[in-house]
Amino acid sequence: MKRIAINTGGGDAPGLNAVIHGAVHAAAAKGIEVCGVRDGFEGLLAPEKYADGGLVHLDRASVRNIAHLGGTILGTTNRENL
């Protein structure tokens, strides 16, 4: 395994950024690349909605100082908005 994706679909929750932070750091320690899916599955199903695509590269620098923030930096949805 060389790459994983994180998808925060199903609604917002206070600890999602801490989970993203932990997953990115754990993956980086094993040499695994991490991509984040924007707004639940919308980033996969409708990447044209986003100026730079539906996936965002996540590394240690991009998740620095997010663990204390509520919600999710990736966005989320609990329904189909297409």
Protein backbone atom coordinates (compact mmCIF):
# COMPACT_ATOMS: atom_id res chain seq x y z
CA MET A 1 0.00 0.00 0.00
CA LYS A 2 1.44 3.34 -1.06
CA ARG A 3 -1.51 5.72 -0.80
CA ILE A 4 -4.68 6.08 1.25
CA ALA A 5 -7.61 8.49 1.13
CA ILE A 6 -9.46 10.04 4.04
CA ASN A 7 -13.16 10.75 3.54
CA THR A 8 -15.16 12.55 6.23
CA GLY A 9 -18.67 11.87 4.99
CA GLY A 10 -21.76 11.48 7.12
CA GLY A 11 -21.95 14.80 8.95
CA ASP A 12 -19.67 16.91 11.08
CA ALA A 13 -18.17 15.79 14.37
CA PRO A 14 -15.93 17.71 16.79
CA GLY A 15 -12.95 15.32 16.66
CA LEU A 16 -12.52 14.76 12.93
CA ASN A 17 -9.53 17.09 12.54
CA ALA A 18 -7.73 15.29 15.36
CA VAL A 19 -8.37 11.98 13.58
CA ILE A 20 -7.10 13.41 10.26
CA HIS A 21 -4.00 14.72 12.04
CA GLY A 22 -3.31 11.35 13.66
CA ALA A 23 -3.91 9.37 10.48
CA VAL A 24 -1.61 11.59 8.42
CA HIS A 25 1.19 11.34 10.99
CA ALA A 26 0.81 7.55 11.30
CA ALA A 27 0.80 7.11 7.53
CA ALA A 28 3.81 9.40 7.06
CA ALA A 29 5.77 7.32 9.57
CA LYS A 30 5.18 4.30 7.32
CA GLY A 31 5.93 6.13 4.07
CA ILE A 32 2.30 6.16 2.92
CA GLU A 33 0.92 9.13 0.95
CA VAL A 34 -2.42 10.55 2.12
CA CYS A 35 -5.12 12.26 0.05
CA GLY A 36 -8.18 13.91 1.53
CA VAL A 37 -11.53 13.72 -0.25
CA ARG A 38 -13.35 17.05 -0.23
CA ASP A 39 -16.92 17.26 1.09
CA GLY A 40 -17.59 13.57 1.55
CA PHE A 41 -17.98 11.72 -1.73
CA GLU A 42 -18.51 14.92 -3.75
CA GLY A 43 -14.75 15.24 -4.19
CA LEU A 44 -14.73 11.86 -5.93
CA LEU A 45 -18.00 12.11 -7.82
CA ALA A 46 -17.79 15.76 -8.90
CA PRO A 47 -14.16 16.93 -8.82
CA GLU A 48 -14.97 19.62 -11.38
CA LYS A 49 -16.76 21.55 -8.60
CA TYR A 50 -13.37 22.39 -7.09
CA ALA A 51 -10.82 24.70 -8.67
CA ASP A 52 -7.95 22.34 -7.83
CA GLY A 53 -9.88 19.06 -7.96
CA GLY A 54 -11.77 16.95 -5.46
CA LEU A 55 -8.71 15.51 -3.74
CA VAL A 56 -6.21 17.37 -1.61
CA HIS A 57 -2.72 16.13 -0.69
CA LEU A 58 -2.27 15.84 3.07
CA ASP A 59 1.12 15.77 4.74
CA ARG A 60 2.46 16.66 8.16
CA ALA A 61 2.81 20.33 7.25
CA SER A 62 -0.75 20.62 5.94
CA VAL A 63 -2.28 19.16 9.11
CA ARG A 64 -0.10 21.07 11.57
CA ASN A 65 -2.22 22.94 14.12
CA ILE A 66 -5.59 21.45 13.09
CA ALA A 67 -6.10 18.93 15.91
CA HIS A 68 -7.67 21.52 18.23
CA LEU A 69 -10.09 22.84 15.59
CA GLY A 70 -13.64 21.52 15.53
CA GLY A 71 -15.13 19.93 12.45
CA THR A 72 -13.08 18.82 9.48
CA ILE A 73 -10.72 20.68 7.14
CA LEU A 74 -11.94 18.44 4.32
CA GLY A 75 -15.59 19.31 4.56
CA THR A 76 -18.36 16.76 4.84
CA THR A 77 -21.86 15.96 3.75
CA ASN A 78 -24.45 13.50 4.93
CA ARG A 79 -26.52 13.51 1.77
CA GLU A 80 -26.00 13.54 -1.96
CA ASN A 81 -25.69 17.14 -3.15
CA LEU A 82 -24.86 16.44 -6.79
